[in-house]
Amino acid sequence: MTKQKNDIFIQGPIPPSLIADVIAEHGNKSDIGAHSVFLGQIRADQVGGKSVQAIEYSINSELAMLKMAEIRKAIFDNYPVTCMHVYHSEGLVQVGEICFFVFTSSAHRRAAIGACDELVERIKKEMPIWGKELFEDNTHQWKTNR
C-alpha cells in the first residue's frame, strides 16, 4: 500500500490491519477520552433483479485532496477533535470489503461523534469520487449516494 503524506486514497479495499493500527496508535494518548469510527462496506444491493458484486471507484485525486483539506480544516475549526483519520478506496472493491474508514478522537464523545458524522456526510456529498457498481452479468451502473 503506497500513498503520499496526507493522501487518503488506497488502491483496493482498506485492509483491516490498517484500521487496527490506527486505533492502536491512539492507546498512549492521555488527552483522548473518546473515539468515533465509521466503516463503509460494499453491500450486495439488488438493482433491477441483478446483484452488485463490486464497486470500482474513480477519483479526481488533485481536486479531492484540495476538497479534503478544506473539509479537514472546517472539522478542526468546528469541533474540539484531537485527531482525524480518513481513508477511501480507489479502484476495485468486492462485496463485503471495507471501502471507507473515518476515525475521529476527542476528549469527549459528543465532539468525536459529531466530527465523524459530519466528515462522512461531507465526503459523500462534496468529494469528486465516483462509484461504478458492477453486476454479476458483467453490466454496470454509476452509483448515486443516498
C-alpha atoms as a PDB file:
ATOM      1  CA  MET A   1       0.000   0.000   0.000  1.00  0.00           C
ATOM      2  CA  THR A   2       1.702   3.184  -1.154  1.00  0.00           C
ATOM      3  CA  LYS A   3       0.319   6.633  -0.549  1.00  0.00           C
ATOM      4  CA  GLN A   4       1.669  10.134  -0.237  1.00  0.00           C
ATOM      5  CA  LYS A   5       1.589  12.054   3.027  1.00  0.00           C
ATOM      6  CA  ASN A   6      -1.961  13.310   3.669  1.00  0.00           C
ATOM      7  CA  ASP A   7      -3.258  11.172   0.793  1.00  0.00           C
ATOM      8  CA  ILE A   8      -6.477   9.490   1.900  1.00  0.00           C
ATOM      9  CA  PHE A   9      -6.811   7.120  -1.054  1.00  0.00           C
ATOM     10  CA  ILE A  10      -5.829   3.448  -1.005  1.00  0.00           C
ATOM     11  CA  GLN A  11      -5.844   1.141  -4.022  1.00  0.00           C
ATOM     12  CA  GLY A  12      -8.455  -1.561  -3.498  1.00  0.00           C
ATOM     13  CA  PRO A  13     -10.106  -2.398  -0.179  1.00  0.00           C
ATOM     14  CA  ILE A  14      -8.971  -0.897   3.097  1.00  0.00           C
ATOM     15  CA  PRO A  15      -7.121  -3.616   4.999  1.00  0.00           C
ATOM     16  CA  PRO A  16      -8.446  -4.430   8.493  1.00  0.00           C
ATOM     17  CA  SER A  17      -4.825  -4.262   9.690  1.00  0.00           C
ATOM     18  CA  LEU A  18      -4.715  -0.538   8.786  1.00  0.00           C
ATOM     19  CA  ILE A  19      -7.878   0.073  10.812  1.00  0.00           C
ATOM     20  CA  ALA A  20      -6.427  -1.840  13.772  1.00  0.00           C
ATOM     21  CA  ASP A  21      -3.122   0.057  13.533  1.00  0.00           C
ATOM     22  CA  VAL A  22      -4.855   3.466  13.507  1.00  0.00           C
ATOM     23  CA  ILE A  23      -6.891   2.531  16.576  1.00  0.00           C
ATOM     24  CA  ALA A  24      -3.897   1.017  18.401  1.00  0.00           C
ATOM     25  CA  GLU A  25      -1.659   4.048  17.851  1.00  0.00           C
ATOM     26  CA  HIS A  26      -4.033   6.146  19.986  1.00  0.00           C
ATOM     27  CA  GLY A  27      -3.766   3.993  23.113  1.00  0.00           C
ATOM     28  CA  ASN A  28      -0.922   6.042  24.564  1.00  0.00           C
ATOM     29  CA  LYS A  29      -2.543   9.456  24.076  1.00  0.00           C
ATOM     30  CA  SER A  30      -3.712  10.603  27.506  1.00  0.00           C
ATOM     31  CA  ASP A  31      -5.733  13.618  26.287  1.00  0.00           C
ATOM     32  CA  ILE A  32      -8.213  11.448  24.361  1.00  0.00           C
ATOM     33  CA  GLY A  33     -11.346  10.143  26.046  1.00  0.00           C
ATOM     34  CA  ALA A  34     -13.463   9.206  23.033  1.00  0.00           C
ATOM     35  CA  HIS A  35     -13.169   7.852  19.527  1.00  0.00           C
ATOM     36  CA  SER A  36     -15.803   7.595  16.823  1.00  0.00           C
ATOM     37  CA  VAL A  37     -15.413   5.212  13.892  1.00  0.00           C
ATOM     38  CA  PHE A  38     -17.289   4.855  10.625  1.00  0.00           C
ATOM     39  CA  LEU A  39     -16.649   1.909   8.312  1.00  0.00           C
ATOM     40  CA  GLY A  40     -18.242   1.797   4.874  1.00  0.00           C
ATOM     41  CA  GLN A  41     -18.553  -1.688   3.394  1.00  0.00           C
ATOM     42  CA  ILE A  42     -19.660  -2.786  -0.068  1.00  0.00           C
ATOM     43  CA  ARG A  43     -23.085  -4.406   0.094  1.00  0.00           C
ATOM     44  CA  ALA A  44     -24.746  -6.718  -2.441  1.00  0.00           C
ATOM     45  CA  ASP A  45     -27.591  -4.388  -3.410  1.00  0.00           C
ATOM     46  CA  GLN A  46     -30.264  -5.780  -5.688  1.00  0.00           C
ATOM     47  CA  VAL A  47     -30.912  -3.478  -8.653  1.00  0.00           C
ATOM     48  CA  GLY A  48     -33.381  -4.481 -11.331  1.00  0.00           C
ATOM     49  CA  GLY A  49     -33.060  -8.147 -10.380  1.00  0.00           C
ATOM     50  CA  LYS A  50     -29.258  -8.057 -10.524  1.00  0.00           C
ATOM     51  CA  SER A  51     -26.834  -8.282  -7.600  1.00  0.00           C
ATOM     52  CA  VAL A  52     -23.938  -5.879  -7.074  1.00  0.00           C
ATOM     53  CA  GLN A  53     -20.668  -7.845  -6.934  1.00  0.00           C
ATOM     54  CA  ALA A  54     -18.201  -4.963  -6.535  1.00  0.00           C
ATOM     55  CA  ILE A  55     -17.758  -1.221  -6.884  1.00  0.00           C
ATOM     56  CA  GLU A  56     -14.976   0.358  -8.904  1.00  0.00           C
ATOM     57  CA  TYR A  57     -14.110   3.805  -7.524  1.00  0.00           C
ATOM     58  CA  SER A  58     -12.723   6.592  -9.714  1.00  0.00           C
ATOM     59  CA  ILE A  59     -11.340   9.740  -8.138  1.00  0.00           C
ATOM     60  CA  ASN A  60     -10.101  13.109  -9.295  1.00  0.00           C
ATOM     61  CA  SER A  61      -7.212  12.947  -6.813  1.00  0.00           C
ATOM     62  CA  GLU A  62      -5.955  16.504  -7.187  1.00  0.00           C
ATOM     63  CA  LEU A  63      -9.382  18.072  -6.654  1.00  0.00           C
ATOM     64  CA  ALA A  64     -10.219  15.541  -3.944  1.00  0.00           C
ATOM     65  CA  MET A  65      -7.132  16.404  -1.910  1.00  0.00           C
ATOM     66  CA  LEU A  66      -7.918  20.128  -2.154  1.00  0.00           C
ATOM     67  CA  LYS A  67     -11.507  19.484  -1.039  1.00  0.00           C
ATOM     68  CA  MET A  68     -10.322  17.177   1.760  1.00  0.00           C
ATOM     69  CA  ALA A  69      -8.007  19.902   3.085  1.00  0.00           C
ATOM     70  CA  GLU A  70     -10.984  22.288   3.150  1.00  0.00           C
ATOM     71  CA  ILE A  71     -13.193  19.748   4.934  1.00  0.00           C
ATOM     72  CA  ARG A  72     -10.420  18.823   7.404  1.00  0.00           C
ATOM     73  CA  LYS A  73      -9.900  22.489   8.330  1.00  0.00           C
ATOM     74  CA  ALA A  74     -13.641  23.029   8.835  1.00  0.00           C
ATOM     75  CA  ILE A  75     -13.896  19.986  11.115  1.00  0.00           C
ATOM     76  CA  PHE A  76     -10.932  21.097  13.237  1.00  0.00           C
ATOM     77  CA  ASP A  77     -12.410  24.630  13.369  1.00  0.00           C
ATOM     78  CA  ASN A  78     -15.881  23.402  14.404  1.00  0.00           C
ATOM     79  CA  TYR A  79     -15.099  20.527  16.793  1.00  0.00           C
ATOM     80  CA  PRO A  80     -12.520  20.145  19.565  1.00  0.00           C
ATOM     81  CA  VAL A  81     -11.086  16.983  17.998  1.00  0.00           C
ATOM     82  CA  THR A  82      -7.511  15.968  18.668  1.00  0.00           C
ATOM     83  CA  CYS A  83      -7.165  13.519  15.816  1.00  0.00           C
ATOM     84  CA  MET A  84      -8.777  12.682  12.490  1.00  0.00           C
ATOM     85  CA  HIS A  85      -8.075   9.889  10.002  1.00  0.00           C
ATOM     86  CA  VAL A  86      -9.862   9.388   6.673  1.00  0.00           C
ATOM     87  CA  TYR A  87      -9.225   6.631   4.120  1.00  0.00           C
ATOM     88  CA  HIS A  88     -11.217   5.870   0.965  1.00  0.00           C
ATOM     89  CA  SER A  89     -10.709   3.131  -1.586  1.00  0.00           C
ATOM     90  CA  GLU A  90      -9.782   3.756  -5.189  1.00  0.00           C
ATOM     91  CA  GLY A  91     -10.211   1.074  -7.814  1.00  0.00           C
ATOM     92  CA  LEU A  92     -11.993  -2.244  -7.348  1.00  0.00           C
ATOM     93  CA  VAL A  93     -13.598  -3.274  -4.039  1.00  0.00           C
ATOM     94  CA  GLN A  94     -15.613  -6.502  -3.707  1.00  0.00           C
ATOM     95  CA  VAL A  95     -18.828  -7.054  -1.727  1.00  0.00           C
ATOM     96  CA  GLY A  96     -18.031  -7.387   1.972  1.00  0.00           C
ATOM     97  CA  GLU A  97     -14.799  -5.390   1.804  1.00  0.00           C
ATOM     98  CA  ILE A  98     -14.225  -2.026   3.517  1.00  0.00           C
ATOM     99  CA  CYS A  99     -14.096   0.991   1.180  1.00  0.00           C
ATOM    100  CA  PHE A 100     -14.339   3.960   3.583  1.00  0.00           C
ATOM    101  CA  PHE A 101     -12.830   4.484   7.055  1.00  0.00           C
ATOM    102  CA  VAL A 102     -13.271   7.593   9.202  1.00  0.00           C
ATOM    103  CA  PHE A 103     -11.819   7.850  12.718  1.00  0.00           C
ATOM    104  CA  THR A 104     -12.058  10.880  14.995  1.00  0.00           C
ATOM    105  CA  SER A 105     -10.780  11.398  18.527  1.00  0.00           C
ATOM    106  CA  SER A 106     -11.548  13.977  21.182  1.00  0.00           C
ATOM    107  CA  ALA A 107     -11.508  14.467  24.921  1.00  0.00           C
ATOM    108  CA  HIS A 108     -15.287  13.870  24.944  1.00  0.00           C
ATOM    109  CA  ARG A 109     -17.713  11.668  22.947  1.00  0.00           C
ATOM    110  CA  ARG A 110     -20.031  14.344  21.526  1.00  0.00           C
ATOM    111  CA  ALA A 111     -17.203  16.078  19.680  1.00  0.00           C
ATOM    112  CA  ALA A 112     -15.785  12.794  18.351  1.00  0.00           C
ATOM    113  CA  ILE A 113     -19.208  11.570  17.197  1.00  0.00           C
ATOM    114  CA  GLY A 114     -20.266  14.911  15.694  1.00  0.00           C
ATOM    115  CA  ALA A 115     -16.990  15.340  13.827  1.00  0.00           C
ATOM    116  CA  CYS A 116     -17.115  11.781  12.472  1.00  0.00           C
ATOM    117  CA  ASP A 117     -20.713  12.176  11.318  1.00  0.00           C
ATOM    118  CA  GLU A 118     -20.048  15.498   9.580  1.00  0.00           C
ATOM    119  CA  LEU A 119     -16.893  14.143   7.929  1.00  0.00           C
ATOM    120  CA  VAL A 120     -18.764  11.169   6.468  1.00  0.00           C
ATOM    121  CA  GLU A 121     -21.637  13.317   5.191  1.00  0.00           C
ATOM    122  CA  ARG A 122     -19.391  15.977   3.662  1.00  0.00           C
ATOM    123  CA  ILE A 123     -17.074  13.482   1.990  1.00  0.00           C
ATOM    124  CA  LYS A 124     -20.021  11.576   0.474  1.00  0.00           C
ATOM    125  CA  LYS A 125     -21.613  14.820  -0.724  1.00  0.00           C
ATOM    126  CA  GLU A 126     -18.650  17.003  -1.759  1.00  0.00           C
ATOM    127  CA  MET A 127     -15.730  14.825  -2.837  1.00  0.00           C
ATOM    128  CA  PRO A 128     -15.098  14.034  -6.535  1.00  0.00           C
ATOM    129  CA  ILE A 129     -15.391  10.257  -6.015  1.00  0.00           C
ATOM    130  CA  TRP A 130     -17.480   8.123  -8.372  1.00  0.00           C
ATOM    131  CA  GLY A 131     -18.508   4.511  -7.875  1.00  0.00           C
ATOM    132  CA  LYS A 132     -19.364   2.152 -10.713  1.00  0.00           C
ATOM    133  CA  GLU A 133     -21.500  -0.730  -9.429  1.00  0.00           C
ATOM    134  CA  LEU A 134     -20.509  -3.951 -11.173  1.00  0.00           C
ATOM    135  CA  PHE A 135     -23.128  -6.695 -11.510  1.00  0.00           C
ATOM    136  CA  GLU A 136     -22.738 -10.468 -11.815  1.00  0.00           C
ATOM    137  CA  ASP A 137     -23.747 -10.336 -15.507  1.00  0.00           C
ATOM    138  CA  ASN A 138     -20.810  -8.005 -16.336  1.00  0.00           C
ATOM    139  CA  THR A 139     -23.058  -4.943 -16.680  1.00  0.00           C
ATOM    140  CA  HIS A 140     -22.696  -1.831 -14.555  1.00  0.00           C
ATOM    141  CA  GLN A 141     -24.330   1.399 -13.429  1.00  0.00           C
ATOM    142  CA  TRP A 142     -22.935   4.541 -11.819  1.00  0.00           C
ATOM    143  CA  LYS A 143     -23.781   4.651  -8.131  1.00  0.00           C
ATOM    144  CA  THR A 144     -25.716   7.536  -6.612  1.00  0.00           C
ATOM    145  CA  ASN A 145     -25.291   8.323  -2.912  1.00  0.00           C
ATOM    146  CA  ARG A 146     -28.428   8.296  -0.817  1.00  0.00           C
END
